[in-house]
Amino acid sequence: QVRLVESGGGLVQAGGSLRLSCAASGRSFSSYDMAWFRQAPGKGREFVSEIKWSAGSTTYADSVRGRFTIFRDNAKNIVSLQMNSLKPEDTAVYYCAARYGRSGGAAYNSWGQGTQVTVSS
């Protein structure tokens, strides 16, 4: 497992942008799939986006596709989520997650502490 620390959350008006970052400890960061999830008040945790360890392929939830971009810097052990055209419904605690890339699609098993994103209307 890796230790993950998120940063970059905050308060923004609808239509604005934020960039979340997640710093990972340990070696072999490039061997891990990385993802962002979020949890809104009173709701369960939902998938937002992921970037695979090999070839850097990306996946997005329908609700954020075209507005959010996930990218990674393997030299700095960082994965980021650029969020544009934010909507009030994007308000949530955002979590960074990791899993070993060769785990055959197992559940993400390393989690950060979360960072709050609040979008005002």
PDB file of N, CA and C in Angstrom:
ATOM      1  N   GLN A   1       0.836  -1.188   0.000  1.00  0.00           N
ATOM      2  CA  GLN A   1       0.000   0.000   0.000  1.00  0.00           C
ATOM      3  C   GLN A   1       0.872   1.238   0.000  1.00  0.00           C
ATOM      4  N   VAL A   2       0.260   2.347  -0.384  1.00  0.00           N
ATOM      5  CA  VAL A   2       0.945   3.627  -0.399  1.00  0.00           C
ATOM      6  C   VAL A   2       0.194   4.601   0.499  1.00  0.00           C
ATOM      7  N   ARG A   3       0.905   5.583   0.988  1.00  0.00           N
ATOM      8  CA  ARG A   3       0.287   6.645   1.781  1.00  0.00           C
ATOM      9  C   ARG A   3      -0.053   7.794   0.855  1.00  0.00           C
ATOM     10  N   LEU A   4      -1.283   8.307   0.970  1.00  0.00           N
ATOM     11  CA  LEU A   4      -1.775   9.326   0.047  1.00  0.00           C
ATOM     12  C   LEU A   4      -2.208  10.564   0.831  1.00  0.00           C
ATOM     13  N   VAL A   5      -1.834  11.728   0.335  1.00  0.00           N
ATOM     14  CA  VAL A   5      -2.210  12.990   0.967  1.00  0.00           C
ATOM     15  C   VAL A   5      -2.756  13.930  -0.098  1.00  0.00           C
ATOM     16  N   GLU A   6      -4.041  14.307   0.055  1.00  0.00           N
ATOM     17  CA  GLU A   6      -4.673  15.198  -0.909  1.00  0.00           C
ATOM     18  C   GLU A   6      -4.494  16.657  -0.497  1.00  0.00           C
ATOM     19  N   SER A   7      -4.589  17.526  -1.500  1.00  0.00           N
ATOM     20  CA  SER A   7      -4.572  18.969  -1.257  1.00  0.00           C
ATOM     21  C   SER A   7      -5.303  19.658  -2.399  1.00  0.00           C
ATOM     22  N   GLY A   8      -5.650  20.929  -2.185  1.00  0.00           N
ATOM     23  CA  GLY A   8      -6.213  21.726  -3.265  1.00  0.00           C
ATOM     24  C   GLY A   8      -7.702  21.976  -3.192  1.00  0.00           C
ATOM     25  N   GLY A   9      -8.382  21.400  -2.207  1.00  0.00           N
ATOM     26  CA  GLY A   9      -9.806  21.659  -2.093  1.00  0.00           C
ATOM     27  C   GLY A   9     -10.075  23.084  -1.644  1.00  0.00           C
ATOM     28  N   GLY A  10     -11.357  23.457  -1.665  1.00  0.00           N
ATOM     29  CA  GLY A  10     -11.721  24.786  -1.216  1.00  0.00           C
ATOM     30  C   GLY A  10     -13.106  25.169  -1.665  1.00  0.00           C
ATOM     31  N   LEU A  11     -13.398  26.453  -1.557  1.00  0.00           N
ATOM     32  CA  LEU A  11     -14.700  27.011  -1.929  1.00  0.00           C
ATOM     33  C   LEU A  11     -14.549  27.759  -3.248  1.00  0.00           C
ATOM     34  N   VAL A  12     -15.461  27.487  -4.175  1.00  0.00           N
ATOM     35  CA  VAL A  12     -15.415  28.132  -5.488  1.00  0.00           C
ATOM     36  C   VAL A  12     -16.836  28.372  -5.961  1.00  0.00           C
ATOM     37  N   GLN A  13     -17.017  29.398  -6.761  1.00  0.00           N
ATOM     38  CA  GLN A  13     -18.329  29.669  -7.329  1.00  0.00           C
ATOM     39  C   GLN A  13     -18.603  28.744  -8.513  1.00  0.00           C
ATOM     40  N   ALA A  14     -19.882  28.510  -8.765  1.00  0.00           N
ATOM     41  CA  ALA A  14     -20.260  27.702  -9.920  1.00  0.00           C
ATOM     42  C   ALA A  14     -19.637  28.275 -11.192  1.00  0.00           C
ATOM     43  N   GLY A  15     -19.139  27.379 -12.024  1.00  0.00           N
ATOM     44  CA  GLY A  15     -18.450  27.789 -13.237  1.00  0.00           C
ATOM     45  C   GLY A  15     -16.958  27.947 -13.066  1.00  0.00           C
ATOM     46  N   GLY A  16     -16.489  27.922 -11.842  1.00  0.00           N
ATOM     47  CA  GLY A  16     -15.072  28.093 -11.571  1.00  0.00           C
ATOM     48  C   GLY A  16     -14.297  26.800 -11.689  1.00  0.00           C
ATOM     49  N   SER A  17     -13.016  26.873 -11.320  1.00  0.00           N
ATOM     50  CA  SER A  17     -12.110  25.739 -11.457  1.00  0.00           C
ATOM     51  C   SER A  17     -11.325  25.514 -10.170  1.00  0.00           C
ATOM     52  N   LEU A  18     -10.932  24.286  -9.965  1.00  0.00           N
ATOM     53  CA  LEU A  18     -10.034  23.905  -8.888  1.00  0.00           C
ATOM     54  C   LEU A  18      -9.150  22.768  -9.395  1.00  0.00           C
ATOM     55  N   ARG A  19      -7.963  22.673  -8.818  1.00  0.00           N
ATOM     56  CA  ARG A  19      -7.097  21.532  -9.114  1.00  0.00           C
ATOM     57  C   ARG A  19      -6.777  20.828  -7.805  1.00  0.00           C
ATOM     58  N   LEU A  20      -7.115  19.568  -7.745  1.00  0.00           N
ATOM     59  CA  LEU A  20      -6.763  18.733  -6.606  1.00  0.00           C
ATOM     60  C   LEU A  20      -5.474  17.980  -6.912  1.00  0.00           C
ATOM     61  N   SER A  21      -4.663  17.805  -5.898  1.00  0.00           N
ATOM     62  CA  SER A  21      -3.441  17.021  -6.042  1.00  0.00           C
ATOM     63  C   SER A  21      -3.379  15.966  -4.960  1.00  0.00           C
ATOM     64  N   CYS A  22      -2.703  14.884  -5.277  1.00  0.00           N
ATOM     65  CA  CYS A  22      -2.540  13.782  -4.336  1.00  0.00           C
ATOM     66  C   CYS A  22      -1.091  13.334  -4.405  1.00  0.00           C
ATOM     67  N   ALA A  23      -0.400  13.480  -3.299  1.00  0.00           N
ATOM     68  CA  ALA A  23       0.995  13.064  -3.219  1.00  0.00           C
ATOM     69  C   ALA A  23       1.071  11.678  -2.596  1.00  0.00           C
ATOM     70  N   ALA A  24       1.806  10.799  -3.252  1.00  0.00           N
ATOM     71  CA  ALA A  24       1.930   9.418  -2.794  1.00  0.00           C
ATOM     72  C   ALA A  24       3.331   9.150  -2.267  1.00  0.00           C
ATOM     73  N   SER A  25       3.394   8.429  -1.172  1.00  0.00           N
ATOM     74  CA  SER A  25       4.682   8.061  -0.611  1.00  0.00           C
ATOM     75  C   SER A  25       5.105   6.704  -1.150  1.00  0.00           C
ATOM     76  N   GLY A  26       6.348   6.375  -0.949  1.00  0.00           N
ATOM     77  CA  GLY A  26       6.813   5.058  -1.336  1.00  0.00           C
ATOM     78  C   GLY A  26       7.327   4.993  -2.762  1.00  0.00           C
ATOM     79  N   ARG A  27       7.873   3.856  -3.079  1.00  0.00           N
ATOM     80  CA  ARG A  27       8.429   3.647  -4.398  1.00  0.00           C
ATOM     81  C   ARG A  27       7.385   3.019  -5.310  1.00  0.00           C
ATOM     82  N   SER A  28       7.737   2.891  -6.553  1.00  0.00           N
ATOM     83  CA  SER A  28       6.902   2.194  -7.542  1.00  0.00           C
ATOM     84  C   SER A  28       5.559   2.855  -7.770  1.00  0.00           C
ATOM     85  N   PHE A  29       5.492   4.171  -7.599  1.00  0.00           N
ATOM     86  CA  PHE A  29       4.238   4.889  -7.856  1.00  0.00           C
ATOM     87  C   PHE A  29       3.738   4.600  -9.255  1.00  0.00           C
ATOM     88  N   SER A  30       4.644   4.493 -10.204  1.00  0.00           N
ATOM     89  CA  SER A  30       4.249   4.281 -11.591  1.00  0.00           C
ATOM     90  C   SER A  30       3.578   2.933 -11.805  1.00  0.00           C
ATOM     91  N   SER A  31       3.667   2.030 -10.833  1.00  0.00           N
ATOM     92  CA  SER A  31       3.040   0.717 -10.939  1.00  0.00           C
ATOM     93  C   SER A  31       1.619   0.683 -10.391  1.00  0.00           C
ATOM     94  N   TYR A  32       1.125   1.825  -9.946  1.00  0.00           N
ATOM     95  CA  TYR A  32      -0.196   1.882  -9.316  1.00  0.00           C
ATOM     96  C   TYR A  32      -1.216   2.568 -10.218  1.00  0.00           C
ATOM     97  N   ASP A  33      -2.414   1.982 -10.278  1.00  0.00           N
ATOM     98  CA  ASP A  33      -3.565   2.699 -10.802  1.00  0.00           C
ATOM     99  C   ASP A  33      -3.942   3.739  -9.745  1.00  0.00           C
ATOM    100  N   MET A  34      -4.321   4.923 -10.201  1.00  0.00           N
ATOM    101  CA  MET A  34      -4.706   5.980  -9.286  1.00  0.00           C
ATOM    102  C   MET A  34      -6.105   6.482  -9.637  1.00  0.00           C
ATOM    103  N   ALA A  35      -6.854   6.868  -8.639  1.00  0.00           N
ATOM    104  CA  ALA A  35      -8.232   7.278  -8.885  1.00  0.00           C
ATOM    105  C   ALA A  35      -8.663   8.367  -7.923  1.00  0.00           C
ATOM    106  N   TRP A  36      -9.737   9.033  -8.300  1.00  0.00           N
ATOM    107  CA  TRP A  36     -10.427   9.987  -7.437  1.00  0.00           C
ATOM    108  C   TRP A  36     -11.868   9.508  -7.249  1.00  0.00           C
ATOM    109  N   PHE A  37     -12.310   9.559  -6.017  1.00  0.00           N
ATOM    110  CA  PHE A  37     -13.689   9.295  -5.654  1.00  0.00           C
ATOM    111  C   PHE A  37     -14.197  10.524  -4.903  1.00  0.00           C
ATOM    112  N   ARG A  38     -15.509  10.598  -4.717  1.00  0.00           N
ATOM    113  CA  ARG A  38     -16.063  11.693  -3.930  1.00  0.00           C
ATOM    114  C   ARG A  38     -17.272  11.205  -3.148  1.00  0.00           C
ATOM    115  N   GLN A  39     -17.545  11.921  -2.070  1.00  0.00           N
ATOM    116  CA  GLN A  39     -18.707  11.604  -1.239  1.00  0.00           C
ATOM    117  C   GLN A  39     -19.399  12.895  -0.843  1.00  0.00           C
ATOM    118  N   ALA A  40     -20.619  13.056  -1.331  1.00  0.00           N
ATOM    119  CA  ALA A  40     -21.418  14.221  -0.999  1.00  0.00           C
ATOM    120  C   ALA A  40     -22.168  13.958   0.310  1.00  0.00           C
ATOM    121  N   PRO A  41     -22.595  15.006   0.980  1.00  0.00           N
ATOM    122  CA  PRO A  41     -23.323  14.828   2.251  1.00  0.00           C
ATOM    123  C   PRO A  41     -24.535  13.925   2.075  1.00  0.00           C
ATOM    124  N   GLY A  42     -24.645  12.919   2.925  1.00  0.00           N
ATOM    125  CA  GLY A  42     -25.793  12.027   2.901  1.00  0.00           C
ATOM    126  C   GLY A  42     -25.784  11.012   1.783  1.00  0.00           C
ATOM    127  N   LYS A  43     -24.687  10.924   1.040  1.00  0.00           N
ATOM    128  CA  LYS A  43     -24.617   9.989  -0.077  1.00  0.00           C
ATOM    129  C   LYS A  43     -23.419   9.062   0.078  1.00  0.00           C
ATOM    130  N   GLY A  44     -23.423   8.015  -0.704  1.00  0.00           N
ATOM    131  CA  GLY A  44     -22.299   7.090  -0.686  1.00  0.00           C
ATOM    132  C   GLY A  44     -21.132   7.599  -1.507  1.00  0.00           C
ATOM    133  N   ARG A  45     -20.002   6.940  -1.357  1.00  0.00           N
ATOM    134  CA  ARG A  45     -18.823   7.327  -2.119  1.00  0.00           C
ATOM    135  C   ARG A  45     -19.000   6.900  -3.567  1.00  0.00           C
ATOM    136  N   GLU A  46     -18.664   7.797  -4.496  1.00  0.00           N
ATOM    137  CA  GLU A  46     -18.821   7.486  -5.909  1.00  0.00           C
ATOM    138  C   GLU A  46     -17.517   7.714  -6.668  1.00  0.00           C
ATOM    139  N   PHE A  47     -17.343   6.923  -7.696  1.00  0.00           N
ATOM    140  CA  PHE A  47     -16.181   7.011  -8.568  1.00  0.00           C
ATOM    141  C   PHE A  47     -16.240   8.297  -9.374  1.00  0.00           C
ATOM    142  N   VAL A  48     -15.099   8.948  -9.523  1.00  0.00           N
ATOM    143  CA  VAL A  48     -15.001  10.161 -10.345  1.00  0.00           C
ATOM    144  C   VAL A  48     -14.130   9.896 -11.583  1.00  0.00           C
ATOM    145  N   SER A  49     -12.910   9.408 -11.351  1.00  0.00           N
ATOM    146  CA  SER A  49     -11.988   9.232 -12.466  1.00  0.00           C
ATOM    147  C   SER A  49     -10.834   8.346 -12.039  1.00  0.00           C
ATOM    148  N   GLU A  50     -10.219   7.676 -13.015  1.00  0.00           N
ATOM    149  CA  GLU A  50      -9.018   6.911 -12.727  1.00  0.00           C
ATOM    150  C   GLU A  50      -8.036   7.018 -13.885  1.00  0.00           C
ATOM    151  N   ILE A  51      -6.762   6.764 -13.563  1.00  0.00           N
ATOM    152  CA  ILE A  51      -5.718   6.734 -14.577  1.00  0.00           C
ATOM    153  C   ILE A  51      -4.883   5.489 -14.309  1.00  0.00           C
ATOM    154  N   LYS A  52      -4.738   4.655 -15.317  1.00  0.00           N
ATOM    155  CA  LYS A  52      -4.059   3.375 -15.170  1.00  0.00           C
ATOM    156  C   LYS A  52      -2.539   3.532 -15.149  1.00  0.00           C
ATOM    157  N   TRP A  53      -1.915   2.499 -14.537  1.00  0.00           N
ATOM    158  CA  TRP A  53      -0.463   2.560 -14.416  1.00  0.00           C
ATOM    159  C   TRP A  53       0.219   2.418 -15.767  1.00  0.00           C
ATOM    160  N   SER A  54      -0.355   1.587 -16.628  1.00  0.00           N
ATOM    161  CA  SER A  54       0.280   1.331 -17.918  1.00  0.00           C
ATOM    162  C   SER A  54      -0.414   2.137 -19.000  1.00  0.00           C
ATOM    163  N   ALA A  55       0.334   2.843 -19.762  1.00  0.00           N
ATOM    164  CA  ALA A  55      -0.168   3.640 -20.877  1.00  0.00           C
ATOM    165  C   ALA A  55      -0.983   4.857 -20.428  1.00  0.00           C
ATOM    166  N   GLY A  56      -1.244   4.965 -19.141  1.00  0.00           N
ATOM    167  CA  GLY A  56      -1.942   6.138 -18.636  1.00  0.00           C
ATOM    168  C   GLY A  56      -3.360   6.310 -19.136  1.00  0.00           C
ATOM    169  N   SER A  57      -4.031   5.206 -19.465  1.00  0.00           N
ATOM    170  CA  SER A  57      -5.407   5.329 -19.939  1.00  0.00           C
ATOM    171  C   SER A  57      -6.293   5.866 -18.819  1.00  0.00           C
ATOM    172  N   THR A  58      -7.310   6.619 -19.197  1.00  0.00           N
ATOM    173  CA  THR A  58      -8.160   7.296 -18.227  1.00  0.00           C
ATOM    174  C   THR A  58      -9.625   6.908 -18.397  1.00  0.00           C
ATOM    175  N   THR A  59     -10.351   7.023 -17.303  1.00  0.00           N
ATOM    176  CA  THR A  59     -11.790   6.763 -17.283  1.00  0.00           C
ATOM    177  C   THR A  59     -12.447   7.842 -16.444  1.00  0.00           C
ATOM    178  N   TYR A  60     -13.650   8.252 -16.851  1.00  0.00           N
ATOM    179  CA  TYR A  60     -14.379   9.288 -16.133  1.00  0.00           C
ATOM    180  C   TYR A  60     -15.825   8.868 -15.893  1.00  0.00           C
ATOM    181  N   ALA A  61     -16.378   9.318 -14.784  1.00  0.00           N
ATOM    182  CA  ALA A  61     -17.808   9.187 -14.573  1.00  0.00           C
ATOM    183  C   ALA A  61     -18.537  10.087 -15.568  1.00  0.00           C
ATOM    184  N   ASP A  62     -19.726   9.669 -15.958  1.00  0.00           N
ATOM    185  CA  ASP A  62     -20.489  10.460 -16.923  1.00  0.00           C
ATOM    186  C   ASP A  62     -20.715  11.887 -16.428  1.00  0.00           C
ATOM    187  N   SER A  63     -20.886  12.031 -15.139  1.00  0.00           N
ATOM    188  CA  SER A  63     -21.219  13.335 -14.565  1.00  0.00           C
ATOM    189  C   SER A  63     -20.091  14.349 -14.656  1.00  0.00           C
ATOM    190  N   VAL A  64     -18.865  13.886 -14.880  1.00  0.00           N
ATOM    191  CA  VAL A  64     -17.723  14.818 -14.916  1.00  0.00           C
ATOM    192  C   VAL A  64     -16.983  14.815 -16.244  1.00  0.00           C
ATOM    193  N   ARG A  65     -17.318  13.870 -17.127  1.00  0.00           N
ATOM    194  CA  ARG A  65     -16.595  13.770 -18.397  1.00  0.00           C
ATOM    195  C   ARG A  65     -16.736  15.072 -19.181  1.00  0.00           C
ATOM    196  N   GLY A  66     -15.611  15.542 -19.694  1.00  0.00           N
ATOM    197  CA  GLY A  66     -15.596  16.796 -20.444  1.00  0.00           C
ATOM    198  C   GLY A  66     -15.326  18.012 -19.581  1.00  0.00           C
ATOM    199  N   ARG A  67     -15.437  17.854 -18.254  1.00  0.00           N
ATOM    200  CA  ARG A  67     -15.167  18.973 -17.342  1.00  0.00           C
ATOM    201  C   ARG A  67     -13.939  18.718 -16.467  1.00  0.00           C
ATOM    202  N   PHE A  68     -13.705  17.457 -16.130  1.00  0.00           N
ATOM    203  CA  PHE A  68     -12.589  17.095 -15.267  1.00  0.00           C
ATOM    204  C   PHE A  68     -11.509  16.379 -16.095  1.00  0.00           C
ATOM    205  N   THR A  69     -10.261  16.572 -15.686  1.00  0.00           N
ATOM    206  CA  THR A  69      -9.139  15.884 -16.324  1.00  0.00           C
ATOM    207  C   THR A  69      -8.217  15.331 -15.245  1.00  0.00           C
ATOM    208  N   ILE A  70      -7.907  14.047 -15.345  1.00  0.00           N
ATOM    209  CA  ILE A  70      -6.975  13.416 -14.416  1.00  0.00           C
ATOM    210  C   ILE A  70      -5.638  13.251 -15.109  1.00  0.00           C
ATOM    211  N   PHE A  71      -4.557  13.497 -14.389  1.00  0.00           N
ATOM    212  CA  PHE A  71      -3.233  13.286 -14.960  1.00  0.00           C
ATOM    213  C   PHE A  71      -2.260  12.988 -13.833  1.00  0.00           C
ATOM    214  N   ARG A  72      -1.129  12.404 -14.198  1.00  0.00           N
ATOM    215  CA  ARG A  72      -0.159  11.984 -13.190  1.00  0.00           C
ATOM    216  C   ARG A  72       1.239  12.390 -13.603  1.00  0.00           C
ATOM    217  N   ASP A  73       2.076  12.579 -12.594  1.00  0.00           N
ATOM    218  CA  ASP A  73       3.489  12.861 -12.794  1.00  0.00           C
ATOM    219  C   ASP A  73       4.247  11.787 -12.023  1.00  0.00           C
ATOM    220  N   ASN A  74       4.696  10.769 -12.731  1.00  0.00           N
ATOM    221  CA  ASN A  74       5.344   9.650 -12.042  1.00  0.00           C
ATOM    222  C   ASN A  74       6.692  10.031 -11.437  1.00  0.00           C
ATOM    223  N   ALA A  75       7.324  11.040 -11.970  1.00  0.00           N
ATOM    224  CA  ALA A  75       8.608  11.479 -11.423  1.00  0.00           C
ATOM    225  C   ALA A  75       8.427  12.141 -10.056  1.00  0.00           C
ATOM    226  N   LYS A  76       7.246  12.748  -9.844  1.00  0.00           N
ATOM    227  CA  LYS A  76       6.986  13.452  -8.590  1.00  0.00           C
ATOM    228  C   LYS A  76       6.013  12.706  -7.687  1.00  0.00           C
ATOM    229  N   ASN A  77       5.560  11.529  -8.114  1.00  0.00           N
ATOM    230  CA  ASN A  77       4.601  10.740  -7.337  1.00  0.00           C
ATOM    231  C   ASN A  77       3.329  11.522  -7.029  1.00  0.00           C
ATOM    232  N   ILE A  78       2.810  12.191  -8.032  1.00  0.00           N
ATOM    233  CA  ILE A  78       1.614  13.007  -7.845  1.00  0.00           C
ATOM    234  C   ILE A  78       0.575  12.659  -8.903  1.00  0.00           C
ATOM    235  N   VAL A  79      -0.672  12.594  -8.469  1.00  0.00           N
ATOM    236  CA  VAL A  79      -1.798  12.511  -9.394  1.00  0.00           C
ATOM    237  C   VAL A  79      -2.693  13.713  -9.122  1.00  0.00           C
ATOM    238  N   SER A  80      -3.190  14.312 -10.181  1.00  0.00           N
ATOM    239  CA  SER A  80      -3.972  15.534 -10.048  1.00  0.00           C
ATOM    240  C   SER A  80      -5.314  15.393 -10.752  1.00  0.00           C
ATOM    241  N   LEU A  81      -6.253  16.223 -10.306  1.00  0.00           N
ATOM    242  CA  LEU A  81      -7.573  16.271 -10.934  1.00  0.00           C
ATOM    243  C   LEU A  81      -7.898  17.732 -11.202  1.00  0.00           C
ATOM    244  N   GLN A  82      -7.881  18.106 -12.456  1.00  0.00           N
ATOM    245  CA  GLN A  82      -8.257  19.461 -12.854  1.00  0.00           C
ATOM    246  C   GLN A  82      -9.763  19.487 -13.051  1.00  0.00           C
ATOM    247  N   MET A  83     -10.430  20.355 -12.305  1.00  0.00           N
ATOM    248  CA  MET A  83     -11.888  20.417 -12.339  1.00  0.00           C
ATOM    249  C   MET A  83     -12.315  21.780 -12.867  1.00  0.00           C
ATOM    250  N   ASN A  84     -12.961  21.778 -14.007  1.00  0.00           N
ATOM    251  CA  ASN A  84     -13.442  23.006 -14.637  1.00  0.00           C
ATOM    252  C   ASN A  84     -14.960  23.016 -14.690  1.00  0.00           C
ATOM    253  N   SER A  85     -15.533  24.181 -14.923  1.00  0.00           N
ATOM    254  CA  SER A  85     -16.993  24.324 -15.047  1.00  0.00           C
ATOM    255  C   SER A  85     -17.701  23.653 -13.882  1.00  0.00           C
ATOM    256  N   LEU A  86     -17.237  23.945 -12.695  1.00  0.00           N
ATOM    257  CA  LEU A  86     -17.774  23.287 -11.516  1.00  0.00           C
ATOM    258  C   LEU A  86     -19.229  23.655 -11.277  1.00  0.00           C
ATOM    259  N   LYS A  87     -19.965  22.680 -10.755  1.00  0.00           N
ATOM    260  CA  LYS A  87     -21.381  22.831 -10.471  1.00  0.00           C
ATOM    261  C   LYS A  87     -21.631  22.606  -8.982  1.00  0.00           C
ATOM    262  N   PRO A  88     -22.703  23.147  -8.441  1.00  0.00           N
ATOM    263  CA  PRO A  88     -22.997  22.908  -7.024  1.00  0.00           C
ATOM    264  C   PRO A  88     -23.077  21.421  -6.690  1.00  0.00           C
ATOM    265  N   GLU A  89     -23.515  20.610  -7.631  1.00  0.00           N
ATOM    266  CA  GLU A  89     -23.611  19.164  -7.376  1.00  0.00           C
ATOM    267  C   GLU A  89     -22.255  18.475  -7.329  1.00  0.00           C
ATOM    268  N   ASP A  90     -21.183  19.189  -7.634  1.00  0.00           N
ATOM    269  CA  ASP A  90     -19.838  18.652  -7.468  1.00  0.00           C
ATOM    270  C   ASP A  90     -19.346  18.781  -6.022  1.00  0.00           C
ATOM    271  N   THR A  91     -20.119  19.458  -5.194  1.00  0.00           N
ATOM    272  CA  THR A  91     -19.745  19.620  -3.792  1.00  0.00           C
ATOM    273  C   THR A  91     -19.649  18.262  -3.108  1.00  0.00           C
ATOM    274  N   ALA A  92     -18.493  18.000  -2.502  1.00  0.00           N
ATOM    275  CA  ALA A  92     -18.245  16.697  -1.880  1.00  0.00           C
ATOM    276  C   ALA A  92     -16.864  16.711  -1.237  1.00  0.00           C
ATOM    277  N   VAL A  93     -16.610  15.673  -0.465  1.00  0.00           N
ATOM    278  CA  VAL A  93     -15.243  15.382  -0.057  1.00  0.00           C
ATOM    279  C   VAL A  93     -14.638  14.490  -1.132  1.00  0.00           C
ATOM    280  N   TYR A  94     -13.494  14.891  -1.632  1.00  0.00           N
ATOM    281  CA  TYR A  94     -12.818  14.155  -2.698  1.00  0.00           C
ATOM    282  C   TYR A  94     -11.671  13.342  -2.111  1.00  0.00           C
ATOM    283  N   TYR A  95     -11.631  12.080  -2.497  1.00  0.00           N
ATOM    284  CA  TYR A  95     -10.628  11.151  -1.989  1.00  0.00           C
ATOM    285  C   TYR A  95      -9.747  10.637  -3.126  1.00  0.00           C
ATOM    286  N   CYS A  96      -8.476  10.581  -2.853  1.00  0.00           N
ATOM    287  CA  CYS A  96      -7.515   9.939  -3.735  1.00  0.00           C
ATOM    288  C   CYS A  96      -7.395   8.471  -3.338  1.00  0.00           C
ATOM    289  N   ALA A  97      -7.241   7.593  -4.316  1.00  0.00           N
ATOM    290  CA  ALA A  97      -7.136   6.162  -4.033  1.00  0.00           C
ATOM    291  C   ALA A  97      -6.098   5.531  -4.940  1.00  0.00           C
ATOM    292  N   ALA A  98      -5.552   4.415  -4.482  1.00  0.00           N
ATOM    293  CA  ALA A  98      -4.537   3.702  -5.251  1.00  0.00           C
ATOM    294  C   ALA A  98      -4.741   2.200  -5.140  1.00  0.00           C
ATOM    295  N   ARG A  99      -4.315   1.498  -6.153  1.00  0.00           N
ATOM    296  CA  ARG A  99      -4.257   0.037  -6.109  1.00  0.00           C
ATOM    297  C   ARG A  99      -3.100  -0.401  -7.004  1.00  0.00           C
ATOM    298  N   TYR A 100      -2.530  -1.536  -6.692  1.00  0.00           N
ATOM    299  CA  TYR A 100      -1.430  -2.037  -7.498  1.00  0.00           C
ATOM    300  C   TYR A 100      -1.938  -2.332  -8.902  1.00  0.00           C
ATOM    301  N   GLY A 101      -1.214  -1.867  -9.882  1.00  0.00           N
ATOM    302  CA  GLY A 101      -1.677  -1.951 -11.249  1.00  0.00           C
ATOM    303  C   GLY A 101      -1.882  -3.358 -11.774  1.00  0.00           C
ATOM    304  N   ARG A 102      -1.148  -4.326 -11.223  1.00  0.00           N
ATOM    305  CA  ARG A 102      -1.286  -5.702 -11.694  1.00  0.00           C
ATOM    306  C   ARG A 102      -2.219  -6.512 -10.799  1.00  0.00           C
ATOM    307  N   SER A 103      -3.130  -5.835 -10.111  1.00  0.00           N
ATOM    308  CA  SER A 103      -4.037  -6.523  -9.185  1.00  0.00           C
ATOM    309  C   SER A 103      -5.258  -7.087  -9.890  1.00  0.00           C
ATOM    310  N   GLY A 104      -5.307  -6.970 -11.206  1.00  0.00           N
ATOM    311  CA  GLY A 104      -6.423  -7.556 -11.942  1.00  0.00           C
ATOM    312  C   GLY A 104      -7.752  -6.877 -11.691  1.00  0.00           C
ATOM    313  N   GLY A 105      -7.726  -5.581 -11.475  1.00  0.00           N
ATOM    314  CA  GLY A 105      -8.968  -4.855 -11.273  1.00  0.00           C
ATOM    315  C   GLY A 105      -9.547  -4.981  -9.887  1.00  0.00           C
ATOM    316  N   ALA A 106      -8.742  -5.339  -8.919  1.00  0.00           N
ATOM    317  CA  ALA A 106      -9.224  -5.420  -7.533  1.00  0.00           C
ATOM    318  C   ALA A 106      -9.660  -4.045  -7.049  1.00  0.00           C
ATOM    319  N   ALA A 107     -10.371  -4.027  -5.925  1.00  0.00           N
ATOM    320  CA  ALA A 107     -10.830  -2.762  -5.376  1.00  0.00           C
ATOM    321  C   ALA A 107      -9.649  -1.888  -4.960  1.00  0.00           C
ATOM    322  N   TYR A 108      -9.850  -0.589  -5.045  1.00  0.00           N
ATOM    323  CA  TYR A 108      -8.836   0.323  -4.543  1.00  0.00           C
ATOM    324  C   TYR A 108      -8.691   0.124  -3.033  1.00  0.00           C
ATOM    325  N   ASN A 109      -7.454   0.044  -2.572  1.00  0.00           N
ATOM    326  CA  ASN A 109      -7.252  -0.324  -1.172  1.00  0.00           C
ATOM    327  C   ASN A 109      -6.348   0.618  -0.393  1.00  0.00           C
ATOM    328  N   SER A 110      -5.921   1.698  -1.018  1.00  0.00           N
ATOM    329  CA  SER A 110      -5.194   2.743  -0.297  1.00  0.00           C
ATOM    330  C   SER A 110      -5.955   4.037  -0.506  1.00  0.00           C
ATOM    331  N   TRP A 111      -6.183   4.747   0.597  1.00  0.00           N
ATOM    332  CA  TRP A 111      -7.033   5.940   0.516  1.00  0.00           C
ATOM    333  C   TRP A 111      -6.381   7.112   1.253  1.00  0.00           C
ATOM    334  N   GLY A 112      -6.603   8.311   0.717  1.00  0.00           N
ATOM    335  CA  GLY A 112      -6.201   9.514   1.421  1.00  0.00           C
ATOM    336  C   GLY A 112      -7.263   9.922   2.425  1.00  0.00           C
ATOM    337  N   GLN A 113      -7.009  11.025   3.107  1.00  0.00           N
ATOM    338  CA  GLN A 113      -7.910  11.482   4.155  1.00  0.00           C
ATOM    339  C   GLN A 113      -9.063  12.312   3.598  1.00  0.00           C
ATOM    340  N   GLY A 114      -8.956  12.739   2.357  1.00  0.00           N
ATOM    341  CA  GLY A 114     -10.017  13.508   1.724  1.00  0.00           C
ATOM    342  C   GLY A 114      -9.782  15.008   1.791  1.00  0.00           C
ATOM    343  N   THR A 115     -10.317  15.716   0.809  1.00  0.00           N
ATOM    344  CA  THR A 115     -10.252  17.175   0.778  1.00  0.00           C
ATOM    345  C   THR A 115     -11.622  17.704   0.349  1.00  0.00           C
ATOM    346  N   GLN A 116     -12.090  18.733   1.036  1.00  0.00           N
ATOM    347  CA  GLN A 116     -13.432  19.258   0.801  1.00  0.00           C
ATOM    348  C   GLN A 116     -13.452  20.199  -0.399  1.00  0.00           C
ATOM    349  N   VAL A 117     -14.414  19.980  -1.270  1.00  0.00           N
ATOM    350  CA  VAL A 117     -14.681  20.886  -2.382  1.00  0.00           C
ATOM    351  C   VAL A 117     -16.122  21.371  -2.224  1.00  0.00           C
ATOM    352  N   THR A 118     -16.281  22.686  -2.181  1.00  0.00           N
ATOM    353  CA  THR A 118     -17.609  23.275  -2.058  1.00  0.00           C
ATOM    354  C   THR A 118     -17.826  24.250  -3.206  1.00  0.00           C
ATOM    355  N   VAL A 119     -18.906  24.043  -3.951  1.00  0.00           N
ATOM    356  CA  VAL A 119     -19.222  24.886  -5.096  1.00  0.00           C
ATOM    357  C   VAL A 119     -20.507  25.638  -4.773  1.00  0.00           C
ATOM    358  N   SER A 120     -20.416  26.949  -4.732  1.00  0.00           N
ATOM    359  CA  SER A 120     -21.582  27.765  -4.406  1.00  0.00           C
ATOM    360  C   SER A 120     -22.306  28.178  -5.679  1.00  0.00           C
ATOM    361  N   SER A 121     -23.610  28.319  -5.568  1.00  0.00           N
ATOM    362  CA  SER A 121     -24.423  28.672  -6.742  1.00  0.00           C
ATOM    363  C   SER A 121     -24.558  30.173  -6.888  1.00  0.00           C
TER     364      SER A 121
END
